[in-house]
Amino acid sequence: MKKVLRILGIVVLIGAFGGTLFFLYNKSKKKEDVFETKTPFVSNVIMKTVATGSVVPRYEIEIKPQVSGIIDELFLVAGDRVTKGQVVARIKIIPDMVSLNSAETRVNRAKLNNEDAKIDYDRQQKLFDKNVISYEEFKSAKLAYDSSKEELMAAENNLELIKNGVTKKAKSATNTLVRSTIDGMVLDVPVEVGNSVIQSNTFNDGTTIASVADMNDMIFEGNVDETEVGKIKEGMPIELEIGAIDKEKFAAHLEYISPKGVEENGAIQFEIKANVQLKEGQFIRAGYSANANIVLERKDSVMVIPEGMLKFENDSSYVEIEMEEEQQFEKRFVITGLSDGINIEITEGLNIEEKVKGEKIDPKKLKEDEASNG
């Protein structure tokens, strides 16, 4: 019995040793690589360049006051539509004390002159009526009196302008009412009631009360790299993709290419502008970032393969075609055409029924596929 057990133990030991050797042999044995294959297919090839930029109004106007003072009232908020000449804000003038004092002194002096001229005029009138003096003497007195009245009126108007920014006779022409200079939409109102504002003058741009733009006339402003600018020209169609509007694309036409490039991050960029063609009911907010797809060349219904399947040797390109025996490939030189960066056109050297060698298949993925199919 002991002898049988000893023999049985030896057999088990030998079997385990042999199984281990067999397992190690299979594990160390190099497995043949498996490659995926794809056949050529017919597709459209579009070579395009992409310009990044934003969509902005063609004309954006900053409305500035003609007088300095304090915002007394605002008549609009951002998003309102305005017409040319519509009142945007009212300004309360804070008069300069030196100018105010000079104006009041001028009014007082004008009153005195007017009173003196009136006394002289009345006296000369009585003498002229009695034929004591000539008409020339009377006319001189009348002219002095009329001139004093005009001077008094001018002094009073000047005082009103300094105090209130408007005369009694011309309230509609006052500079204290700020008006829109164009039709459009209010984009921004950077001031509040009570803010001090400065008039536009030689030394200062002035305080912006509102920004107004025509939102029906929008343009795309972007930049194109120097390697692509030579391939585009004015009038080319553009397709705009706006990040904030996912499901809609906008048509545009290239209308301007800058003749001078600007260096940005070590690369020369050229500014471009394109007229955005809005359909009825479409609305784009100012400042949306956008990508402009500019079609440089296009070919429809041509035979293509994924560009990653193409290999290169010296100045020639080739693919590997699967032979009748599975996973056996031969080199085939081809002539290529247009590429869009994903697919490339094959003009000669390949038939649409042939299978082209692609990427190597991961063994783990291959086992998973076999298991799922099994």
Protein backbone atom coordinates (compact mmCIF):
# COMPACT_ATOMS: atom_id res chain seq x y z
CA MET A 1 0.00 0.00 0.00
CA LYS A 2 2.81 2.37 0.88
CA LYS A 3 4.43 1.57 -2.43
CA VAL A 4 1.26 2.48 -4.33
CA LEU A 5 0.95 5.78 -2.48
CA ARG A 6 4.60 6.56 -3.16
CA ILE A 7 4.16 5.90 -6.89
CA LEU A 8 0.96 7.95 -6.95
CA GLY A 9 2.73 10.87 -5.27
CA ILE A 10 5.58 10.70 -7.77
CA VAL A 11 3.08 10.73 -10.67
CA VAL A 12 1.26 13.75 -9.24
CA LEU A 13 4.56 15.56 -8.71
CA ILE A 14 5.70 14.81 -12.25
CA GLY A 15 2.30 15.95 -13.63
CA ALA A 16 2.43 19.20 -11.72
CA PHE A 17 5.98 19.83 -12.87
CA GLY A 18 5.03 19.10 -16.48
CA GLY A 19 1.95 21.31 -16.27
CA THR A 20 4.06 24.16 -14.94
CA LEU A 21 6.55 23.76 -17.78
CA PHE A 22 3.72 23.72 -20.31
CA PHE A 23 2.16 26.85 -18.82
CA LEU A 24 5.48 28.71 -18.80
CA TYR A 25 6.13 27.63 -22.40
CA ASN A 26 2.75 28.92 -23.59
CA LYS A 27 3.22 32.15 -21.70
CA SER A 28 6.66 32.76 -23.17
CA LYS A 29 5.55 31.87 -26.67
CA LYS A 30 5.25 35.04 -28.79
CA LYS A 31 1.77 35.52 -30.14
CA GLU A 32 1.27 36.86 -33.61
CA ASP A 33 0.05 40.45 -33.83
CA VAL A 34 -3.46 40.98 -35.15
CA PHE A 35 -4.29 44.11 -37.13
CA GLU A 36 -7.64 45.63 -37.94
CA THR A 37 -8.53 46.09 -41.59
CA LYS A 38 -10.76 48.62 -43.30
CA THR A 39 -11.96 49.04 -46.85
CA PRO A 40 -11.89 52.42 -48.64
CA PHE A 41 -15.17 54.33 -48.75
CA VAL A 42 -16.69 57.21 -50.67
CA SER A 43 -16.99 60.54 -48.89
CA ASN A 44 -16.69 64.30 -49.26
CA VAL A 45 -13.30 65.81 -48.41
CA ILE A 46 -13.27 69.41 -47.23
CA MET A 47 -10.00 71.13 -46.43
CA LYS A 48 -10.61 74.12 -44.19
CA THR A 49 -8.89 76.38 -41.76
CA VAL A 50 -10.32 77.57 -38.46
CA ALA A 51 -10.07 81.14 -37.21
CA THR A 52 -10.88 81.97 -33.60
CA GLY A 53 -12.47 85.24 -32.60
CA SER A 54 -15.74 86.81 -31.53
CA VAL A 55 -18.95 88.22 -32.97
CA VAL A 56 -19.38 91.96 -32.39
CA PRO A 57 -21.53 94.77 -33.80
CA ARG A 58 -20.06 96.54 -36.80
CA TYR A 59 -20.76 99.92 -35.20
CA GLU A 60 -20.76 100.40 -31.43
CA ILE A 61 -21.23 104.01 -30.32
CA GLU A 62 -20.30 105.45 -26.94
CA ILE A 63 -22.65 108.24 -25.94
CA LYS A 64 -20.91 110.99 -23.96
CA PRO A 65 -22.24 114.22 -22.40
CA GLN A 66 -21.56 117.70 -23.74
CA VAL A 67 -21.56 119.21 -20.24
CA SER A 68 -20.04 118.18 -16.92
CA GLY A 69 -22.27 117.56 -13.94
CA ILE A 70 -24.19 114.86 -12.06
CA ILE A 71 -26.54 112.25 -13.54
CA ASP A 72 -29.97 113.45 -12.46
CA GLU A 73 -32.04 110.81 -14.28
CA LEU A 74 -31.50 107.80 -16.55
CA PHE A 75 -34.20 106.85 -19.05
CA LEU A 76 -33.00 103.42 -20.14
CA VAL A 77 -31.25 100.19 -19.12
CA ALA A 78 -29.05 97.71 -20.99
CA GLY A 79 -31.12 95.76 -23.52
CA ASP A 80 -33.52 98.60 -24.38
CA ARG A 81 -33.90 99.66 -27.98
CA VAL A 82 -33.46 103.36 -28.76
CA THR A 83 -33.95 105.60 -31.77
CA LYS A 84 -31.77 108.41 -33.01
CA GLY A 85 -32.41 111.54 -30.95
CA GLN A 86 -34.07 109.72 -28.06
CA VAL A 87 -33.19 111.13 -24.63
CA VAL A 88 -30.84 108.82 -22.73
CA ALA A 89 -30.18 110.80 -19.56
CA ARG A 90 -30.55 114.18 -17.87
CA ILE A 91 -27.58 115.92 -16.28
CA LYS A 92 -27.75 118.36 -13.40
CA ILE A 93 -25.06 121.00 -13.77
CA ILE A 94 -22.94 121.97 -10.78
CA PRO A 95 -21.84 125.52 -11.66
CA ASP A 96 -18.33 126.78 -11.14
CA MET A 97 -18.48 129.45 -8.43
CA VAL A 98 -16.04 131.81 -10.15
CA SER A 99 -17.98 131.65 -13.42
CA LEU A 100 -21.28 132.01 -11.55
CA ASN A 101 -20.07 135.10 -9.71
CA SER A 102 -18.81 136.67 -12.97
CA ALA A 103 -22.13 135.96 -14.67
CA GLU A 104 -24.15 137.50 -11.83
CA THR A 105 -21.90 140.60 -11.88
CA ARG A 106 -22.41 140.88 -15.63
CA VAL A 107 -26.19 140.73 -15.17
CA ASN A 108 -26.12 143.46 -12.52
CA ARG A 109 -23.92 145.68 -14.69
CA ALA A 110 -26.19 145.11 -17.68
CA LYS A 111 -29.22 146.09 -15.62
CA LEU A 112 -27.56 149.35 -14.56
CA ASN A 113 -26.59 150.16 -18.14
CA ASN A 114 -30.08 149.32 -19.32
CA GLU A 115 -31.73 151.55 -16.72
CA ASP A 116 -29.40 154.44 -17.58
CA ALA A 117 -29.99 153.95 -21.31
CA LYS A 118 -33.76 153.91 -20.75
CA ILE A 119 -33.68 157.19 -18.82
CA ASP A 120 -31.68 158.80 -21.60
CA TYR A 121 -33.96 157.30 -24.25
CA ASP A 122 -37.12 158.58 -22.53
CA ARG A 123 -35.64 162.06 -22.25
CA GLN A 124 -34.56 162.10 -25.89
CA GLN A 125 -37.98 160.80 -26.91
CA LYS A 126 -39.72 163.76 -25.29
CA LEU A 127 -37.30 166.24 -26.85
CA PHE A 128 -37.69 164.65 -30.28
CA ASP A 129 -41.48 164.77 -29.99
CA LYS A 130 -41.20 168.55 -29.34
CA ASN A 131 -38.81 168.93 -32.30
CA VAL A 132 -36.05 170.17 -29.99
CA ILE A 133 -33.45 167.63 -31.22
CA SER A 134 -32.79 166.06 -34.58
CA TYR A 135 -33.68 162.49 -35.55
CA GLU A 136 -29.99 161.51 -35.58
CA GLU A 137 -29.62 162.40 -31.90
CA PHE A 138 -32.81 160.52 -31.05
CA LYS A 139 -31.68 157.49 -33.10
CA SER A 140 -28.38 157.33 -31.18
CA ALA A 141 -30.24 157.24 -27.87
CA LYS A 142 -32.64 154.55 -29.17
CA LEU A 143 -29.71 152.44 -30.45
CA ALA A 144 -27.94 152.68 -27.08
CA TYR A 145 -31.17 151.63 -25.30
CA ASP A 146 -31.79 148.66 -27.63
CA SER A 147 -28.17 147.55 -27.28
CA SER A 148 -28.44 147.68 -23.48
CA LYS A 149 -31.59 145.50 -23.61
CA GLU A 150 -29.78 142.92 -25.78
CA GLU A 151 -26.79 142.94 -23.46
CA LEU A 152 -29.07 142.41 -20.45
CA MET A 153 -30.80 139.50 -22.18
CA ALA A 154 -27.46 137.95 -23.16
CA ALA A 155 -26.16 138.30 -19.58
CA GLU A 156 -29.30 136.68 -18.14
CA ASN A 157 -29.09 133.79 -20.67
CA ASN A 158 -25.44 133.29 -19.82
CA LEU A 159 -26.32 133.13 -16.13
CA GLU A 160 -29.06 130.56 -16.85
CA LEU A 161 -26.64 128.45 -18.87
CA ILE A 162 -24.07 128.44 -16.09
CA LYS A 163 -26.68 127.62 -13.43
CA ASN A 164 -28.98 125.21 -15.30
CA GLY A 165 -27.34 124.49 -18.66
CA VAL A 166 -30.35 125.76 -20.55
CA THR A 167 -31.91 129.10 -21.49
CA LYS A 168 -35.60 129.85 -21.12
CA LYS A 169 -36.02 130.26 -24.88
CA ALA A 170 -34.26 127.07 -25.96
CA LYS A 171 -35.16 124.29 -23.50
CA SER A 172 -35.31 121.64 -26.27
CA ALA A 173 -31.74 122.46 -27.33
CA THR A 174 -30.25 122.05 -23.89
CA ASN A 175 -26.99 120.20 -23.41
CA THR A 176 -28.25 118.73 -20.14
CA LEU A 177 -30.35 116.20 -22.08
CA VAL A 178 -28.10 113.48 -23.49
CA ARG A 179 -29.50 111.90 -26.66
CA SER A 180 -28.72 108.78 -28.67
CA THR A 181 -26.92 109.45 -31.93
CA ILE A 182 -28.02 106.23 -33.70
CA ASP A 183 -30.81 103.65 -33.78
CA GLY A 184 -29.94 100.43 -31.99
CA MET A 185 -29.82 98.49 -28.74
CA VAL A 186 -28.30 99.68 -25.49
CA LEU A 187 -25.41 97.31 -24.68
CA ASP A 188 -24.20 98.88 -21.47
CA VAL A 189 -25.00 101.72 -19.07
CA PRO A 190 -21.85 102.08 -16.96
CA VAL A 191 -23.14 104.98 -14.81
CA GLU A 192 -25.80 105.34 -12.12
CA VAL A 193 -27.98 108.22 -11.00
CA GLY A 194 -25.81 110.47 -8.85
CA ASN A 195 -22.54 109.71 -10.65
CA SER A 196 -20.41 112.66 -11.70
CA VAL A 197 -19.71 112.86 -15.43
CA ILE A 198 -17.19 114.85 -17.46
CA GLN A 199 -17.93 116.37 -20.84
CA SER A 200 -15.98 115.34 -23.92
CA ASN A 201 -13.26 117.90 -24.65
CA THR A 202 -9.79 118.31 -26.11
CA PHE A 203 -8.04 116.85 -23.07
CA ASN A 204 -10.55 114.19 -22.01
CA ASP A 205 -12.63 111.59 -23.83
CA GLY A 206 -15.46 112.22 -21.42
CA THR A 207 -17.57 109.85 -19.36
CA THR A 208 -19.47 107.17 -21.28
CA ILE A 209 -23.14 107.23 -20.31
CA ALA A 210 -24.25 104.39 -22.59
CA SER A 211 -23.00 102.13 -25.39
CA VAL A 212 -25.41 101.68 -28.30
CA ALA A 213 -25.02 99.34 -31.30
CA ASP A 214 -27.03 98.11 -34.27
CA MET A 215 -27.49 94.42 -33.42
CA ASN A 216 -28.79 93.63 -36.93
CA ASP A 217 -25.38 94.39 -38.46
CA MET A 218 -22.92 91.95 -36.87
CA ILE A 219 -19.42 90.96 -37.95
CA PHE A 220 -16.97 88.25 -36.96
CA GLU A 221 -13.53 89.48 -35.92
CA GLY A 222 -10.79 86.87 -35.66
CA ASN A 223 -7.21 85.97 -36.44
CA VAL A 224 -5.65 83.64 -39.01
CA ASP A 225 -2.12 82.25 -38.81
CA GLU A 226 0.43 83.36 -41.39
CA THR A 227 0.62 79.81 -42.79
CA GLU A 228 -3.07 79.96 -43.77
CA VAL A 229 -3.62 83.60 -44.69
CA GLY A 230 -2.24 83.10 -48.20
CA LYS A 231 -4.93 80.49 -48.92
CA ILE A 232 -7.91 82.72 -48.20
CA LYS A 233 -9.37 85.67 -50.08
CA GLU A 234 -12.14 88.20 -49.65
CA GLY A 235 -15.60 86.93 -50.54
CA MET A 236 -15.03 83.34 -49.38
CA PRO A 237 -17.98 81.75 -47.54
CA ILE A 238 -17.55 81.10 -43.82
CA GLU A 239 -19.47 78.91 -41.41
CA LEU A 240 -19.56 80.26 -37.86
CA GLU A 241 -19.84 78.03 -34.81
CA ILE A 242 -20.71 79.93 -31.64
CA GLY A 243 -19.87 78.18 -28.40
CA ALA A 244 -22.90 79.55 -26.56
CA ILE A 245 -25.31 78.41 -29.32
CA ASP A 246 -24.78 74.66 -29.74
CA LYS A 247 -27.33 73.60 -32.33
CA GLU A 248 -27.14 76.48 -34.78
CA LYS A 249 -24.56 77.59 -37.33
CA PHE A 250 -24.36 80.97 -38.97
CA ALA A 251 -23.34 81.90 -42.50
CA ALA A 252 -20.89 84.71 -43.16
CA HIS A 253 -18.71 86.10 -45.95
CA LEU A 254 -15.11 87.16 -45.57
CA GLU A 255 -14.86 90.89 -46.28
CA TYR A 256 -11.51 92.01 -44.84
CA ILE A 257 -8.01 90.57 -44.45
CA SER A 258 -5.44 92.72 -42.67
CA PRO A 259 -2.42 93.59 -44.83
CA LYS A 260 -0.21 93.56 -41.73
CA GLY A 261 0.33 90.77 -39.23
CA VAL A 262 0.75 91.09 -35.47
CA GLU A 263 2.93 88.81 -33.35
CA GLU A 264 1.00 86.88 -30.70
CA ASN A 265 2.67 84.23 -28.55
CA GLY A 266 5.53 83.88 -31.02
CA ALA A 267 3.29 83.48 -34.11
CA ILE A 268 2.25 86.06 -36.69
CA GLN A 269 -1.52 86.52 -36.80
CA PHE A 270 -3.55 88.43 -39.39
CA GLU A 271 -6.89 89.98 -38.48
CA ILE A 272 -9.93 89.07 -40.57
CA LYS A 273 -13.51 90.33 -40.59
CA ALA A 274 -16.60 88.62 -41.96
CA ASN A 275 -20.13 89.90 -42.44
CA VAL A 276 -22.56 87.69 -40.49
CA GLN A 277 -25.74 87.00 -42.45
CA LEU A 278 -28.51 86.81 -39.87
CA LYS A 279 -31.80 85.17 -40.80
CA GLU A 280 -35.11 86.58 -39.70
CA GLY A 281 -35.57 85.95 -36.00
CA GLN A 282 -31.91 85.17 -35.33
CA PHE A 283 -30.19 87.13 -32.56
CA ILE A 284 -26.55 87.07 -31.47
CA ARG A 285 -25.34 88.80 -28.34
CA ALA A 286 -22.32 91.04 -28.69
CA GLY A 287 -19.03 89.46 -27.65
CA TYR A 288 -19.88 85.78 -28.19
CA SER A 289 -16.72 83.77 -28.87
CA ALA A 290 -16.85 81.91 -32.17
CA ASN A 291 -14.88 79.70 -34.53
CA ALA A 292 -14.94 80.49 -38.24
CA ASN A 293 -14.59 77.50 -40.58
CA ILE A 294 -13.18 78.76 -43.88
CA VAL A 295 -13.40 76.25 -46.75
CA LEU A 296 -10.13 76.29 -48.70
CA GLU A 297 -10.84 73.37 -51.08
CA ARG A 298 -13.55 70.74 -51.46
CA LYS A 299 -14.06 67.45 -53.34
CA ASP A 300 -17.32 65.51 -53.28
CA SER A 301 -17.88 61.74 -53.57
CA VAL A 302 -14.25 60.60 -53.77
CA MET A 303 -12.60 57.40 -52.49
CA VAL A 304 -10.89 57.95 -49.15
CA ILE A 305 -9.22 56.06 -46.32
CA PRO A 306 -8.42 57.16 -42.78
CA GLU A 307 -5.21 59.18 -42.95
CA GLY A 308 -3.66 57.11 -40.14
CA MET A 309 -3.51 54.06 -42.48
CA LEU A 310 -1.17 55.85 -44.86
CA LYS A 311 2.58 55.21 -44.51
CA PHE A 312 5.50 57.01 -46.08
CA GLU A 313 8.77 55.95 -47.64
CA ASN A 314 11.11 58.64 -48.93
CA ASP A 315 8.90 60.88 -51.07
CA SER A 316 6.28 58.20 -51.71
CA SER A 317 3.24 57.05 -49.76
CA TYR A 318 1.93 53.51 -49.49
CA VAL A 319 -0.59 51.29 -47.73
CA GLU A 320 -0.50 47.61 -46.80
CA ILE A 321 -3.15 45.48 -48.50
CA GLU A 322 -4.44 42.21 -47.01
CA MET A 323 -3.71 39.25 -49.28
CA GLU A 324 -5.93 36.20 -49.79
CA GLU A 325 -4.48 34.65 -46.64
CA GLU A 326 -5.87 36.40 -43.58
CA GLN A 327 -3.54 38.80 -41.72
CA GLN A 328 -0.95 38.62 -44.49
CA PHE A 329 -0.18 41.99 -46.06
CA GLU A 330 1.70 43.41 -49.03
CA LYS A 331 2.98 46.92 -49.64
CA ARG A 332 1.14 48.97 -52.27
CA PHE A 333 2.25 52.46 -53.36
CA VAL A 334 -0.63 54.91 -53.88
CA ILE A 335 -1.18 58.46 -55.09
CA THR A 336 -3.05 60.71 -52.72
CA GLY A 337 -5.22 63.77 -53.20
CA LEU A 338 -7.00 66.14 -50.84
CA SER A 339 -6.96 65.61 -47.08
CA ASP A 340 -9.11 67.08 -44.32
CA GLY A 341 -6.84 65.88 -41.52
CA ILE A 342 -8.99 62.79 -40.82
CA ASN A 343 -9.57 61.16 -44.20
CA ILE A 344 -7.40 61.42 -47.31
CA GLU A 345 -8.34 60.96 -50.95
CA ILE A 346 -6.73 58.07 -52.89
CA THR A 347 -6.57 58.78 -56.62
CA GLU A 348 -4.51 55.78 -57.84
CA GLY A 349 -3.23 52.43 -56.58
CA LEU A 350 -6.20 51.15 -54.58
CA ASN A 351 -9.56 49.53 -55.27
CA ILE A 352 -12.58 50.13 -53.10
CA GLU A 353 -13.01 46.39 -52.38
CA GLU A 354 -9.50 45.88 -51.00
CA LYS A 355 -8.78 45.74 -47.28
CA VAL A 356 -6.17 48.08 -45.88
CA LYS A 357 -4.05 47.31 -42.82
CA GLY A 358 -4.84 49.50 -39.85
CA GLU A 359 -3.85 49.70 -36.20
CA LYS A 360 -2.72 46.71 -34.15
CA ILE A 361 -5.51 45.22 -32.07
CA ASP A 362 -4.94 44.98 -28.33
CA PRO A 363 -4.98 41.25 -27.29
CA LYS A 364 -7.15 42.02 -24.25
CA LYS A 365 -9.65 43.80 -26.43
CA LEU A 366 -9.53 40.94 -28.94
CA LYS A 367 -10.35 38.41 -26.18
CA GLU A 368 -13.19 40.58 -24.95
CA ASP A 369 -14.61 40.81 -28.48
CA GLU A 370 -14.33 37.04 -28.96
CA ALA A 371 -16.01 36.44 -25.63
CA SER A 372 -18.85 38.80 -26.43
CA ASN A 373 -19.32 37.24 -29.90
CA GLY A 374 -19.09 33.71 -28.47
